[in-house]
Amino acid sequence: LGITLTVKNIGDTKITNVQWTVTLTGGNIFIGKSKSGSISSLEPNATAPLKEALIFGFGKTTIDIELTWSEEETIKKSATGIIFLFFALGIK
């Protein structure tokens, strides 16, 4: 149920104080339009799951993900999919 994301540090150095935000736009999203959190540190090649974002709604949506860490770098990624009740389908 909802959206589950995993973050991977593909760099050569440990990153710290990772702040993340997931935002859904478009469609009719009643629960779960935005979720944020933090990861204290992430070693090179390590992964960390983000907390599952519970959603409820329907329609085509854009999922925007933003990660920022203390080394003052930011990464933004987007994907599209369809929300049907509690499920995210066809995420690309």
N, C-alpha and C. Protein backbone atom coordinates (compact mmCIF):
# COMPACT_ATOMS: atom_id res chain seq x y z
N LEU A 1 0.83 -1.19 0.00
CA LEU A 1 0.00 0.00 0.00
C LEU A 1 0.87 1.24 0.00
N GLY A 2 0.49 2.24 -0.73
CA GLY A 2 1.24 3.48 -0.74
C GLY A 2 2.46 3.40 -1.63
N ILE A 3 3.41 4.24 -1.32
CA ILE A 3 4.64 4.34 -2.09
C ILE A 3 5.82 4.05 -1.16
N THR A 4 6.70 3.16 -1.60
CA THR A 4 7.91 2.86 -0.85
C THR A 4 9.11 3.25 -1.70
N LEU A 5 10.03 4.00 -1.12
CA LEU A 5 11.22 4.45 -1.85
C LEU A 5 12.47 4.02 -1.11
N THR A 6 13.54 3.82 -1.87
CA THR A 6 14.84 3.48 -1.28
C THR A 6 15.88 4.45 -1.82
N VAL A 7 16.71 4.96 -0.93
CA VAL A 7 17.79 5.87 -1.30
C VAL A 7 19.10 5.11 -1.25
N LYS A 8 19.95 5.31 -2.27
CA LYS A 8 21.27 4.68 -2.30
C LYS A 8 22.34 5.75 -2.49
N ASN A 9 23.38 5.69 -1.67
CA ASN A 9 24.51 6.59 -1.81
C ASN A 9 25.44 6.00 -2.86
N ILE A 10 25.45 6.57 -4.05
CA ILE A 10 26.30 6.05 -5.13
C ILE A 10 27.65 6.77 -5.19
N GLY A 11 27.87 7.66 -4.23
CA GLY A 11 29.14 8.39 -4.18
C GLY A 11 30.22 7.61 -3.45
N ASP A 12 31.38 8.24 -3.32
CA ASP A 12 32.54 7.63 -2.67
C ASP A 12 32.70 8.03 -1.21
N THR A 13 31.88 8.96 -0.74
CA THR A 13 32.01 9.44 0.63
C THR A 13 30.69 9.32 1.39
N LYS A 14 30.81 9.25 2.69
CA LYS A 14 29.64 9.21 3.57
C LYS A 14 28.91 10.55 3.47
N ILE A 15 27.58 10.49 3.38
CA ILE A 15 26.79 11.72 3.43
C ILE A 15 26.02 11.75 4.74
N THR A 16 25.80 12.95 5.24
CA THR A 16 25.14 13.09 6.54
C THR A 16 23.98 14.08 6.45
N ASN A 17 23.10 13.96 7.45
CA ASN A 17 21.96 14.85 7.57
C ASN A 17 21.15 14.94 6.28
N VAL A 18 20.72 13.80 5.78
CA VAL A 18 19.97 13.73 4.53
C VAL A 18 18.50 14.06 4.82
N GLN A 19 18.00 15.12 4.21
CA GLN A 19 16.60 15.52 4.33
C GLN A 19 15.90 15.12 3.04
N TRP A 20 14.72 14.51 3.15
CA TRP A 20 14.00 14.10 1.95
C TRP A 20 12.55 14.56 2.00
N THR A 21 12.00 14.80 0.80
CA THR A 21 10.60 15.18 0.65
C THR A 21 10.04 14.47 -0.57
N VAL A 22 8.85 13.91 -0.42
CA VAL A 22 8.12 13.29 -1.53
C VAL A 22 6.81 14.06 -1.66
N THR A 23 6.51 14.54 -2.87
CA THR A 23 5.29 15.31 -3.10
C THR A 23 4.56 14.74 -4.31
N LEU A 24 3.25 14.54 -4.16
CA LEU A 24 2.41 14.07 -5.26
C LEU A 24 1.55 15.23 -5.74
N THR A 25 1.56 15.46 -7.07
CA THR A 25 0.73 16.51 -7.65
C THR A 25 -0.10 15.92 -8.78
N GLY A 26 -1.26 16.48 -8.99
CA GLY A 26 -2.17 15.98 -10.01
C GLY A 26 -3.06 14.91 -9.44
N GLY A 27 -4.08 14.55 -10.17
CA GLY A 27 -5.03 13.56 -9.69
C GLY A 27 -5.81 14.11 -8.51
N ASN A 28 -6.53 13.24 -7.85
CA ASN A 28 -7.29 13.60 -6.66
C ASN A 28 -6.70 12.83 -5.49
N ILE A 29 -5.72 13.41 -4.84
CA ILE A 29 -5.04 12.76 -3.72
C ILE A 29 -5.62 13.35 -2.43
N PHE A 30 -6.25 12.51 -1.64
CA PHE A 30 -6.91 12.97 -0.41
C PHE A 30 -6.01 12.78 0.82
N ILE A 31 -5.19 11.75 0.81
CA ILE A 31 -4.26 11.47 1.90
C ILE A 31 -2.89 11.20 1.28
N GLY A 32 -1.85 11.81 1.81
CA GLY A 32 -0.49 11.51 1.38
C GLY A 32 0.07 12.39 0.29
N LYS A 33 -0.39 13.63 0.17
CA LYS A 33 0.15 14.52 -0.86
C LYS A 33 1.61 14.85 -0.64
N SER A 34 2.06 14.83 0.60
CA SER A 34 3.44 15.17 0.89
C SER A 34 3.92 14.41 2.11
N LYS A 35 5.18 14.02 2.08
CA LYS A 35 5.80 13.31 3.21
C LYS A 35 7.26 13.72 3.24
N SER A 36 7.82 13.89 4.44
CA SER A 36 9.23 14.25 4.54
C SER A 36 9.84 13.55 5.74
N GLY A 37 11.16 13.55 5.76
CA GLY A 37 11.87 12.91 6.85
C GLY A 37 13.36 13.13 6.71
N SER A 38 14.12 12.39 7.50
CA SER A 38 15.57 12.55 7.45
C SER A 38 16.27 11.21 7.69
N ILE A 39 17.49 11.14 7.23
CA ILE A 39 18.38 10.00 7.45
C ILE A 39 19.65 10.60 8.04
N SER A 40 20.10 10.12 9.19
CA SER A 40 21.25 10.75 9.85
C SER A 40 22.53 10.63 9.02
N SER A 41 22.80 9.46 8.44
CA SER A 41 23.99 9.31 7.58
C SER A 41 23.81 8.11 6.67
N LEU A 42 24.58 8.11 5.60
CA LEU A 42 24.52 7.03 4.62
C LEU A 42 25.93 6.80 4.07
N GLU A 43 26.47 5.62 4.33
CA GLU A 43 27.81 5.26 3.86
C GLU A 43 27.80 5.04 2.34
N PRO A 44 28.97 5.09 1.69
CA PRO A 44 29.05 4.81 0.26
C PRO A 44 28.45 3.43 -0.06
N ASN A 45 27.67 3.36 -1.11
CA ASN A 45 27.00 2.15 -1.61
C ASN A 45 25.94 1.59 -0.66
N ALA A 46 25.65 2.28 0.42
CA ALA A 46 24.62 1.82 1.35
C ALA A 46 23.25 2.32 0.88
N THR A 47 22.21 1.60 1.28
CA THR A 47 20.84 1.99 0.97
C THR A 47 20.07 2.22 2.26
N ALA A 48 19.02 3.03 2.15
CA ALA A 48 18.14 3.28 3.28
C ALA A 48 16.72 3.42 2.75
N PRO A 49 15.78 2.67 3.33
CA PRO A 49 14.39 2.84 2.90
C PRO A 49 13.82 4.12 3.51
N LEU A 50 13.01 4.80 2.72
CA LEU A 50 12.27 5.94 3.25
C LEU A 50 10.98 5.39 3.84
N LYS A 51 10.45 6.05 4.81
CA LYS A 51 9.20 5.59 5.40
C LYS A 51 8.14 5.51 4.32
N GLU A 52 7.35 4.44 4.39
CA GLU A 52 6.29 4.27 3.40
C GLU A 52 5.31 5.42 3.49
N ALA A 53 4.98 5.98 2.35
CA ALA A 53 4.03 7.08 2.30
C ALA A 53 2.64 6.52 2.00
N LEU A 54 1.77 6.53 2.99
CA LEU A 54 0.39 6.07 2.79
C LEU A 54 -0.33 7.09 1.93
N ILE A 55 -1.02 6.60 0.91
CA ILE A 55 -1.76 7.47 0.01
C ILE A 55 -3.19 6.98 -0.12
N PHE A 56 -4.07 7.89 -0.48
CA PHE A 56 -5.45 7.54 -0.82
C PHE A 56 -5.94 8.56 -1.82
N GLY A 57 -6.38 8.06 -2.97
CA GLY A 57 -6.90 8.96 -3.99
C GLY A 57 -7.06 8.21 -5.30
N PHE A 58 -7.17 8.98 -6.38
CA PHE A 58 -7.24 8.36 -7.70
C PHE A 58 -6.81 9.38 -8.75
N GLY A 59 -6.32 8.85 -9.86
CA GLY A 59 -5.94 9.69 -10.98
C GLY A 59 -4.45 9.68 -11.25
N LYS A 60 -4.09 10.26 -12.41
CA LYS A 60 -2.69 10.35 -12.81
C LYS A 60 -2.00 11.39 -11.94
N THR A 61 -0.81 11.05 -11.48
CA THR A 61 -0.08 11.95 -10.59
C THR A 61 1.40 11.99 -10.95
N THR A 62 2.04 13.05 -10.56
CA THR A 62 3.50 13.18 -10.66
C THR A 62 4.07 13.06 -9.26
N ILE A 63 5.10 12.24 -9.12
CA ILE A 63 5.75 12.03 -7.83
C ILE A 63 7.11 12.72 -7.90
N ASP A 64 7.28 13.75 -7.09
CA ASP A 64 8.54 14.50 -7.03
C ASP A 64 9.27 14.14 -5.75
N ILE A 65 10.55 13.82 -5.89
CA ILE A 65 11.39 13.45 -4.75
C ILE A 65 12.57 14.42 -4.71
N GLU A 66 12.83 14.97 -3.53
CA GLU A 66 13.97 15.86 -3.36
C GLU A 66 14.78 15.41 -2.16
N LEU A 67 16.10 15.26 -2.35
CA LEU A 67 17.04 14.90 -1.29
C LEU A 67 18.07 16.01 -1.16
N THR A 68 18.31 16.44 0.06
CA THR A 68 19.34 17.44 0.34
C THR A 68 20.15 16.94 1.52
N TRP A 69 21.47 17.11 1.47
CA TRP A 69 22.29 16.67 2.60
C TRP A 69 23.26 17.75 3.00
N SER A 70 23.89 17.55 4.15
CA SER A 70 24.70 18.59 4.78
C SER A 70 25.88 19.06 3.93
N GLU A 71 26.27 18.28 2.97
CA GLU A 71 27.35 18.69 2.08
C GLU A 71 26.83 19.68 1.03
N GLU A 72 25.64 20.20 1.27
CA GLU A 72 24.99 21.23 0.46
C GLU A 72 24.75 20.81 -0.98
N GLU A 73 24.35 19.59 -1.15
CA GLU A 73 23.98 19.11 -2.47
C GLU A 73 22.51 18.71 -2.45
N THR A 74 21.88 18.83 -3.60
CA THR A 74 20.47 18.48 -3.73
C THR A 74 20.28 17.67 -4.99
N ILE A 75 19.43 16.66 -4.89
CA ILE A 75 19.04 15.86 -6.04
C ILE A 75 17.52 15.89 -6.11
N LYS A 76 17.00 16.09 -7.33
CA LYS A 76 15.55 16.07 -7.55
C LYS A 76 15.26 15.06 -8.65
N LYS A 77 14.26 14.23 -8.42
CA LYS A 77 13.82 13.24 -9.41
C LYS A 77 12.30 13.28 -9.47
N SER A 78 11.75 12.92 -10.63
CA SER A 78 10.30 12.87 -10.80
C SER A 78 9.92 11.58 -11.51
N ALA A 79 8.73 11.12 -11.22
CA ALA A 79 8.15 9.95 -11.89
C ALA A 79 6.65 10.19 -12.02
N THR A 80 6.01 9.47 -12.90
CA THR A 80 4.56 9.57 -13.04
C THR A 80 3.94 8.21 -12.81
N GLY A 81 2.69 8.22 -12.44
CA GLY A 81 1.97 6.98 -12.22
C GLY A 81 0.49 7.27 -12.01
N ILE A 82 -0.23 6.24 -11.68
CA ILE A 82 -1.66 6.36 -11.44
C ILE A 82 -1.94 5.92 -10.01
N ILE A 83 -2.69 6.73 -9.29
CA ILE A 83 -3.11 6.38 -7.94
C ILE A 83 -4.52 5.85 -8.03
N PHE A 84 -4.73 4.66 -7.47
CA PHE A 84 -6.07 4.06 -7.41
C PHE A 84 -6.28 3.59 -5.98
N LEU A 85 -7.11 4.34 -5.26
CA LEU A 85 -7.38 4.11 -3.84
C LEU A 85 -6.07 4.17 -3.06
N PHE A 86 -5.59 3.02 -2.51
CA PHE A 86 -4.37 3.01 -1.71
C PHE A 86 -3.13 2.56 -2.51
N PHE A 87 -3.29 2.39 -3.82
CA PHE A 87 -2.22 1.79 -4.63
C PHE A 87 -1.64 2.79 -5.64
N ALA A 88 -0.34 2.71 -5.86
CA ALA A 88 0.35 3.46 -6.90
C ALA A 88 0.70 2.48 -8.00
N LEU A 89 0.23 2.75 -9.21
CA LEU A 89 0.39 1.81 -10.32
C LEU A 89 1.18 2.47 -11.46
N GLY A 90 1.92 1.65 -12.19
CA GLY A 90 2.60 2.10 -13.41
C GLY A 90 3.59 3.22 -13.19
N ILE A 91 4.33 3.19 -12.10
CA ILE A 91 5.29 4.25 -11.80
C ILE A 91 6.45 4.18 -12.81
N LYS A 92 6.70 5.29 -13.49
CA LYS A 92 7.78 5.37 -14.50
C LYS A 92 8.58 6.63 -14.29
